Amino acid sequence: MSIGMDNNQTPGSIPLLGMIAAPGLALILGIILIYFTEVSWGFAPGGIGYSIILGALGGILMYLLLAGFSRLPVAESFGETVAQLRPIFKDIKVSHVLILSLTAGIGEEVLFRGFIQTWLSGFIGIELAILAGAIGFGMLHFASIGYFLMTTLIGVVLGIVYHLSGSLLLVMTWHSIYDAIAIWVISRYPELVGIKP
């Protein structure tokens, strides 16, 4: 998803299709690569309910931690980038929040954890595979150095969770819940993360 707006765009004018293009392409690419390389990945080895509950709790906890972090002086660059998102999401519909967060959570996790991390771990070891997947994830979200570092760190956390749980559904849920909360807060309650409404 593109972070900035050009000078001719009005708040809320980015269509939903434009917002889901990158995560949608990530999903398609991830599925194709998994299919043709025959990468073996786990969907929900601990059970669907277990994966969804832990993923939801993880997404909520991650949001709370990052929202608190974004208010610290050390996170100024990250906070400025998040503030740039406000005009994009200002009037977003609830249905669009759900579609966008599910598309990003599913598509990006299939590509970065389901394929890249899993495939690379067979060549370079799991630690470097997690890092490589996380850096790719951070690059997809690059809007500033601070935002890149934060999303790379999120990618590391999701990579470790996927490695330990073996559940792609867990990290898909985690990512989707985090995105849904983050977009909703930025759009409706920006002051909670230090953004002027």
C-alpha atoms as a PDB file:
ATOM      1  CA  MET A   1       0.000   0.000   0.000  1.00  0.00           C
ATOM      2  CA  SER A   2       1.335   3.434  -0.865  1.00  0.00           C
ATOM      3  CA  ILE A   3       1.818   5.710   2.130  1.00  0.00           C
ATOM      4  CA  GLY A   4       1.966   9.246   0.734  1.00  0.00           C
ATOM      5  CA  MET A   5      -0.510  11.358  -1.192  1.00  0.00           C
ATOM      6  CA  ASP A   6       0.282  13.560  -4.139  1.00  0.00           C
ATOM      7  CA  ASN A   7      -0.745  17.216  -4.074  1.00  0.00           C
ATOM      8  CA  ASN A   8      -3.867  16.636  -6.187  1.00  0.00           C
ATOM      9  CA  GLN A   9      -5.371  13.936  -3.989  1.00  0.00           C
ATOM     10  CA  THR A  10      -8.080  14.726  -1.526  1.00  0.00           C
ATOM     11  CA  PRO A  11      -8.427  12.925   1.784  1.00  0.00           C
ATOM     12  CA  GLY A  12     -10.137   9.582   1.412  1.00  0.00           C
ATOM     13  CA  SER A  13      -9.829   9.632  -2.397  1.00  0.00           C
ATOM     14  CA  ILE A  14      -7.640   6.547  -2.759  1.00  0.00           C
ATOM     15  CA  PRO A  15      -9.986   3.814  -3.955  1.00  0.00           C
ATOM     16  CA  LEU A  16     -10.124   0.508  -2.133  1.00  0.00           C
ATOM     17  CA  LEU A  17      -8.760  -1.309  -5.182  1.00  0.00           C
ATOM     18  CA  GLY A  18      -5.641   0.869  -5.080  1.00  0.00           C
ATOM     19  CA  MET A  19      -5.154   0.118  -1.384  1.00  0.00           C
ATOM     20  CA  ILE A  20      -5.387  -3.653  -1.797  1.00  0.00           C
ATOM     21  CA  ALA A  21      -3.296  -3.890  -4.981  1.00  0.00           C
ATOM     22  CA  ALA A  22       0.074  -4.609  -3.306  1.00  0.00           C
ATOM     23  CA  PRO A  23      -1.203  -7.133  -0.745  1.00  0.00           C
ATOM     24  CA  GLY A  24      -3.385  -8.746  -3.408  1.00  0.00           C
ATOM     25  CA  LEU A  25      -0.381  -9.146  -5.688  1.00  0.00           C
ATOM     26  CA  ALA A  26       1.619 -10.505  -2.737  1.00  0.00           C
ATOM     27  CA  LEU A  27      -1.066 -13.159  -2.214  1.00  0.00           C
ATOM     28  CA  ILE A  28      -1.111 -14.180  -5.877  1.00  0.00           C
ATOM     29  CA  LEU A  29       2.689 -14.238  -6.102  1.00  0.00           C
ATOM     30  CA  GLY A  30       2.987 -16.183  -2.842  1.00  0.00           C
ATOM     31  CA  ILE A  31       0.484 -18.827  -3.953  1.00  0.00           C
ATOM     32  CA  ILE A  32       2.172 -19.223  -7.341  1.00  0.00           C
ATOM     33  CA  LEU A  33       5.643 -19.513  -5.782  1.00  0.00           C
ATOM     34  CA  ILE A  34       4.472 -21.995  -3.146  1.00  0.00           C
ATOM     35  CA  TYR A  35       2.754 -24.086  -5.813  1.00  0.00           C
ATOM     36  CA  PHE A  36       5.649 -24.212  -8.272  1.00  0.00           C
ATOM     37  CA  THR A  37       8.422 -24.651  -5.712  1.00  0.00           C
ATOM     38  CA  GLU A  38       6.406 -27.130  -3.646  1.00  0.00           C
ATOM     39  CA  VAL A  39       7.354 -25.343  -0.423  1.00  0.00           C
ATOM     40  CA  SER A  40       5.833 -27.131   2.544  1.00  0.00           C
ATOM     41  CA  TRP A  41       4.144 -24.753   4.956  1.00  0.00           C
ATOM     42  CA  GLY A  42       1.776 -25.127   7.881  1.00  0.00           C
ATOM     43  CA  PHE A  43      -1.668 -23.576   7.862  1.00  0.00           C
ATOM     44  CA  ALA A  44      -2.964 -24.297  11.376  1.00  0.00           C
ATOM     45  CA  PRO A  45      -1.210 -27.323  12.902  1.00  0.00           C
ATOM     46  CA  GLY A  46      -2.394 -26.422  16.417  1.00  0.00           C
ATOM     47  CA  GLY A  47      -5.985 -26.053  15.273  1.00  0.00           C
ATOM     48  CA  ILE A  48      -7.963 -23.278  13.634  1.00  0.00           C
ATOM     49  CA  GLY A  49      -9.490 -21.921  16.857  1.00  0.00           C
ATOM     50  CA  TYR A  50      -6.131 -21.887  18.622  1.00  0.00           C
ATOM     51  CA  SER A  51      -4.507 -20.029  15.723  1.00  0.00           C
ATOM     52  CA  ILE A  52      -7.280 -17.441  15.494  1.00  0.00           C
ATOM     53  CA  ILE A  53      -7.390 -16.749  19.249  1.00  0.00           C
ATOM     54  CA  LEU A  54      -3.601 -16.452  19.621  1.00  0.00           C
ATOM     55  CA  GLY A  55      -3.396 -14.394  16.430  1.00  0.00           C
ATOM     56  CA  ALA A  56      -6.077 -11.982  17.659  1.00  0.00           C
ATOM     57  CA  LEU A  57      -4.378 -11.608  21.043  1.00  0.00           C
ATOM     58  CA  GLY A  58      -1.005 -11.075  19.366  1.00  0.00           C
ATOM     59  CA  GLY A  59      -2.402  -8.443  16.985  1.00  0.00           C
ATOM     60  CA  ILE A  60      -4.040  -6.530  19.849  1.00  0.00           C
ATOM     61  CA  LEU A  61      -0.920  -6.676  22.015  1.00  0.00           C
ATOM     62  CA  MET A  62       1.341  -5.609  19.145  1.00  0.00           C
ATOM     63  CA  TYR A  63      -0.930  -2.665  18.373  1.00  0.00           C
ATOM     64  CA  LEU A  64      -0.950  -1.527  22.013  1.00  0.00           C
ATOM     65  CA  LEU A  65       2.853  -1.743  22.225  1.00  0.00           C
ATOM     66  CA  LEU A  66       3.430   0.146  18.963  1.00  0.00           C
ATOM     67  CA  ALA A  67       0.791   2.773  19.775  1.00  0.00           C
ATOM     68  CA  GLY A  68       2.590   3.460  23.042  1.00  0.00           C
ATOM     69  CA  PHE A  69       5.966   3.490  21.300  1.00  0.00           C
ATOM     70  CA  SER A  70       4.731   5.939  18.636  1.00  0.00           C
ATOM     71  CA  ARG A  71       4.155   8.557  21.352  1.00  0.00           C
ATOM     72  CA  LEU A  72       7.781   8.485  22.556  1.00  0.00           C
ATOM     73  CA  PRO A  73      10.234  11.168  21.353  1.00  0.00           C
ATOM     74  CA  VAL A  74      12.552   8.477  19.929  1.00  0.00           C
ATOM     75  CA  ALA A  75       9.782   7.438  17.510  1.00  0.00           C
ATOM     76  CA  GLU A  76       9.339  10.853  15.901  1.00  0.00           C
ATOM     77  CA  SER A  77      10.010   9.657  12.320  1.00  0.00           C
ATOM     78  CA  PHE A  78       7.618   6.730  12.758  1.00  0.00           C
ATOM     79  CA  GLY A  79       4.956   9.037  14.214  1.00  0.00           C
ATOM     80  CA  GLU A  80       5.317  11.503  11.339  1.00  0.00           C
ATOM     81  CA  THR A  81       4.824   8.720   8.813  1.00  0.00           C
ATOM     82  CA  VAL A  82       1.768   7.421  10.670  1.00  0.00           C
ATOM     83  CA  ALA A  83       0.384  10.975  10.658  1.00  0.00           C
ATOM     84  CA  GLN A  84       0.679  10.952   6.842  1.00  0.00           C
ATOM     85  CA  LEU A  85      -1.733   8.028   6.796  1.00  0.00           C
ATOM     86  CA  ARG A  86      -4.502  10.044   8.453  1.00  0.00           C
ATOM     87  CA  PRO A  87      -5.715  11.809   5.266  1.00  0.00           C
ATOM     88  CA  ILE A  88      -5.705   8.514   3.373  1.00  0.00           C
ATOM     89  CA  PHE A  89      -7.835   6.691   5.939  1.00  0.00           C
ATOM     90  CA  LYS A  90      -9.840   9.620   7.354  1.00  0.00           C
ATOM     91  CA  ASP A  91     -13.246   8.618   5.986  1.00  0.00           C
ATOM     92  CA  ILE A  92     -12.644   4.943   5.293  1.00  0.00           C
ATOM     93  CA  LYS A  93     -15.685   2.684   5.636  1.00  0.00           C
ATOM     94  CA  VAL A  94     -15.704  -0.179   8.147  1.00  0.00           C
ATOM     95  CA  SER A  95     -16.128  -2.674   5.302  1.00  0.00           C
ATOM     96  CA  HIS A  96     -13.043  -1.225   3.587  1.00  0.00           C
ATOM     97  CA  VAL A  97     -11.023  -1.492   6.804  1.00  0.00           C
ATOM     98  CA  LEU A  98     -11.944  -5.175   6.992  1.00  0.00           C
ATOM     99  CA  ILE A  99     -11.205  -5.864   3.318  1.00  0.00           C
ATOM    100  CA  LEU A 100      -7.887  -4.011   3.434  1.00  0.00           C
ATOM    101  CA  SER A 101      -6.692  -5.575   6.693  1.00  0.00           C
ATOM    102  CA  LEU A 102      -7.672  -9.103   5.609  1.00  0.00           C
ATOM    103  CA  THR A 103      -6.068  -8.685   2.184  1.00  0.00           C
ATOM    104  CA  ALA A 104      -2.842  -7.375   3.711  1.00  0.00           C
ATOM    105  CA  GLY A 105      -2.779  -9.940   6.511  1.00  0.00           C
ATOM    106  CA  ILE A 106      -3.407 -12.894   4.248  1.00  0.00           C
ATOM    107  CA  GLY A 107      -1.482 -11.781   1.159  1.00  0.00           C
ATOM    108  CA  GLU A 108       1.641 -10.500   2.850  1.00  0.00           C
ATOM    109  CA  GLU A 109       1.891 -13.450   5.240  1.00  0.00           C
ATOM    110  CA  VAL A 110       1.507 -15.995   2.426  1.00  0.00           C
ATOM    111  CA  LEU A 111       4.357 -14.306   0.540  1.00  0.00           C
ATOM    112  CA  PHE A 112       6.756 -13.304   3.332  1.00  0.00           C
ATOM    113  CA  ARG A 113       6.277 -16.087   5.878  1.00  0.00           C
ATOM    114  CA  GLY A 114       4.582 -18.860   3.878  1.00  0.00           C
ATOM    115  CA  PHE A 115       6.963 -18.689   0.930  1.00  0.00           C
ATOM    116  CA  ILE A 116      10.041 -16.479   1.406  1.00  0.00           C
ATOM    117  CA  GLN A 117      10.864 -17.431   4.988  1.00  0.00           C
ATOM    118  CA  THR A 118      10.025 -21.106   4.523  1.00  0.00           C
ATOM    119  CA  TRP A 119      11.870 -21.437   1.207  1.00  0.00           C
ATOM    120  CA  LEU A 120      14.972 -19.532   2.323  1.00  0.00           C
ATOM    121  CA  SER A 121      15.236 -21.502   5.579  1.00  0.00           C
ATOM    122  CA  GLY A 122      16.226 -24.534   3.510  1.00  0.00           C
ATOM    123  CA  PHE A 123      19.239 -22.653   2.137  1.00  0.00           C
ATOM    124  CA  ILE A 124      20.415 -20.124   4.720  1.00  0.00           C
ATOM    125  CA  GLY A 125      18.982 -21.286   8.042  1.00  0.00           C
ATOM    126  CA  ILE A 126      15.926 -20.098   9.882  1.00  0.00           C
ATOM    127  CA  GLU A 127      17.478 -17.036  11.560  1.00  0.00           C
ATOM    128  CA  LEU A 128      18.594 -15.456   8.275  1.00  0.00           C
ATOM    129  CA  ALA A 129      15.386 -16.561   6.558  1.00  0.00           C
ATOM    130  CA  ILE A 130      13.312 -14.753   9.205  1.00  0.00           C
ATOM    131  CA  LEU A 131      15.486 -11.656   8.801  1.00  0.00           C
ATOM    132  CA  ALA A 132      15.306 -11.746   4.978  1.00  0.00           C
ATOM    133  CA  GLY A 133      11.525 -12.112   5.022  1.00  0.00           C
ATOM    134  CA  ALA A 134      11.269  -9.290   7.549  1.00  0.00           C
ATOM    135  CA  ILE A 135      13.474  -6.970   5.485  1.00  0.00           C
ATOM    136  CA  GLY A 136      11.346  -7.675   2.404  1.00  0.00           C
ATOM    137  CA  PHE A 137       8.238  -6.955   4.481  1.00  0.00           C
ATOM    138  CA  GLY A 138       9.781  -3.698   5.700  1.00  0.00           C
ATOM    139  CA  MET A 139      10.709  -2.689   2.157  1.00  0.00           C
ATOM    140  CA  LEU A 140       7.111  -3.241   1.005  1.00  0.00           C
ATOM    141  CA  HIS A 141       6.022  -0.751   3.667  1.00  0.00           C
ATOM    142  CA  PHE A 142       8.893   1.717   3.226  1.00  0.00           C
ATOM    143  CA  ALA A 143       7.766   5.302   3.779  1.00  0.00           C
ATOM    144  CA  SER A 144      10.598   6.558   5.994  1.00  0.00           C
ATOM    145  CA  ILE A 145      13.579   5.028   7.753  1.00  0.00           C
ATOM    146  CA  GLY A 146      11.653   4.886  11.026  1.00  0.00           C
ATOM    147  CA  TYR A 147       8.638   3.215   9.425  1.00  0.00           C
ATOM    148  CA  PHE A 148      10.880   0.745   7.571  1.00  0.00           C
ATOM    149  CA  LEU A 149      12.643  -0.206  10.804  1.00  0.00           C
ATOM    150  CA  MET A 150       9.347  -0.592  12.652  1.00  0.00           C
ATOM    151  CA  THR A 151       7.740  -2.754   9.958  1.00  0.00           C
ATOM    152  CA  THR A 152      10.928  -4.815   9.676  1.00  0.00           C
ATOM    153  CA  LEU A 153      10.764  -5.410  13.430  1.00  0.00           C
ATOM    154  CA  ILE A 154       7.100  -6.423  13.048  1.00  0.00           C
ATOM    155  CA  GLY A 155       8.229  -8.816  10.301  1.00  0.00           C
ATOM    156  CA  VAL A 156      10.822 -10.346  12.632  1.00  0.00           C
ATOM    157  CA  VAL A 157       8.176 -10.882  15.322  1.00  0.00           C
ATOM    158  CA  LEU A 158       5.751 -12.443  12.823  1.00  0.00           C
ATOM    159  CA  GLY A 159       8.574 -14.588  11.424  1.00  0.00           C
ATOM    160  CA  ILE A 160       9.493 -15.905  14.860  1.00  0.00           C
ATOM    161  CA  VAL A 161       5.842 -16.567  15.702  1.00  0.00           C
ATOM    162  CA  TYR A 162       5.397 -18.463  12.429  1.00  0.00           C
ATOM    163  CA  HIS A 163       8.566 -20.468  13.011  1.00  0.00           C
ATOM    164  CA  LEU A 164       7.598 -21.397  16.572  1.00  0.00           C
ATOM    165  CA  SER A 165       3.912 -22.122  15.878  1.00  0.00           C
ATOM    166  CA  GLY A 166       4.112 -23.471  12.326  1.00  0.00           C
ATOM    167  CA  SER A 167       0.756 -21.757  11.801  1.00  0.00           C
ATOM    168  CA  LEU A 168       0.320 -19.408   8.860  1.00  0.00           C
ATOM    169  CA  LEU A 169      -3.269 -18.791  10.016  1.00  0.00           C
ATOM    170  CA  LEU A 170      -1.954 -17.470  13.344  1.00  0.00           C
ATOM    171  CA  VAL A 171       0.288 -14.838  11.701  1.00  0.00           C
ATOM    172  CA  MET A 172      -2.391 -13.990   9.116  1.00  0.00           C
ATOM    173  CA  THR A 173      -4.847 -13.330  11.946  1.00  0.00           C
ATOM    174  CA  TRP A 174      -2.224 -11.416  13.974  1.00  0.00           C
ATOM    175  CA  HIS A 175      -1.358  -9.196  11.008  1.00  0.00           C
ATOM    176  CA  SER A 176      -5.004  -8.643  10.008  1.00  0.00           C
ATOM    177  CA  ILE A 177      -6.126  -7.724  13.532  1.00  0.00           C
ATOM    178  CA  TYR A 178      -3.170  -5.359  13.966  1.00  0.00           C
ATOM    179  CA  ASP A 179      -3.908  -3.633  10.642  1.00  0.00           C
ATOM    180  CA  ALA A 180      -7.651  -3.354  11.344  1.00  0.00           C
ATOM    181  CA  ILE A 181      -7.048  -1.719  14.724  1.00  0.00           C
ATOM    182  CA  ALA A 182      -4.296   0.563  13.385  1.00  0.00           C
ATOM    183  CA  ILE A 183      -6.365   1.758  10.416  1.00  0.00           C
ATOM    184  CA  TRP A 184      -9.481   2.247  12.539  1.00  0.00           C
ATOM    185  CA  VAL A 185      -7.633   4.256  15.199  1.00  0.00           C
ATOM    186  CA  ILE A 186      -5.845   6.407  12.604  1.00  0.00           C
ATOM    187  CA  SER A 187      -9.146   7.058  10.829  1.00  0.00           C
ATOM    188  CA  ARG A 188     -11.416   7.666  13.834  1.00  0.00           C
ATOM    189  CA  TYR A 189      -9.263   8.293  16.944  1.00  0.00           C
ATOM    190  CA  PRO A 190      -5.917   9.704  15.755  1.00  0.00           C
ATOM    191  CA  GLU A 191      -5.326  11.524  19.028  1.00  0.00           C
ATOM    192  CA  LEU A 192      -4.790   8.119  20.692  1.00  0.00           C
ATOM    193  CA  VAL A 193      -1.500   7.817  18.802  1.00  0.00           C
ATOM    194  CA  GLY A 194      -0.536  11.469  19.078  1.00  0.00           C
ATOM    195  CA  ILE A 195      -1.915  12.608  15.712  1.00  0.00           C
ATOM    196  CA  LYS A 196      -3.921  15.821  15.551  1.00  0.00           C
ATOM    197  CA  PRO A 197      -7.435  15.133  14.182  1.00  0.00           C
END
